[in-house]
Amino acid sequence: MIRCIAIDDQQNSISGLEKYIADTPNMELLASYTDPMAALNELKDIDLVDVIFMDIQMPQLSGIELSKAIRSKTRKLIFTTSHEEYAFEAFEADADAYLLKPYGYAKFAFTLNRVFGQETEDTAQEDYFFVKNKSEAHKAVLVRYADIIAFESFHNYIKIHTKEKVIIAYLSLKDVKEQLNIEKGFIQLHRGYIISIDHILHVEGTRVTLSNHTSFTVGDLYYNDFRDFFTDKLVTSKRSK
């Protein structure tokens, strides 16, 4: 269980964090504060927590100043702010991450995965992430990379085809490439698809068919990538016919 504290002088920001935390399995909000001075007075006596989410620009006491007093009370510190210019100061204050407002649940979940996924050295890559599924009343669902067949562009959403179901998430393929760990095991061969190499069923010419029988023709922009990938892995006989 990831135990959390939220500190932000704006109640709407606190409410947003409370909802994101409630929607995320294995997370518990221990306390929230809109007054940084109250947070300072109360948190000095608490046991170590897992993560504190903290705004930077607050009255009386800034998040940067407050972090110096309570950094030892949390394993992870994530600053939240609508001011991009504070990014350098945030990391100088030994922050583990920086969330620029306004941020959605996807960015929140990906940041948590990145921050807590770095804890074990024997994990070269996180094997899962959380995403809100439109088909399940926007509940946050856990998705394992090993179960993914393909990411498919779908209007303003994407479809995440898995071995068990199709998840519809308010993301783009650009979000997938920038925020998920797909450097290994996935390849984009069409502007509408990023596919799992493990789930390629067969290739006929430039037609690719996946294990769920989804198929597409390799796009012109991706032909060179396809050729390099396919010819490198294609095993043929060295014997003359």
Foldseek 3Di string as FASTA:
>chain_A
DAEEEEEALDVVVVVQVVVLQVLDPPYDYPYYYNDLVVVLVPLVPDAAGAEYEYEADHPPAGPLRSCVRRVVRYPAYEYEYQDPVCVVSCVVSVHQYYHHPPDDSQVVFLSVCVSVVPPDPVDPFDQWTWFQFVVVVRRIDIDGPVFFFKWFDDPQWIWTDGPPDIGTGRDGVVCCVVRHDPPPQWDDQDRGMIGGPVFFPDQDPQWTAGVVRDIDGGDPVRVVVVVVVDVVPDDDDPDDD
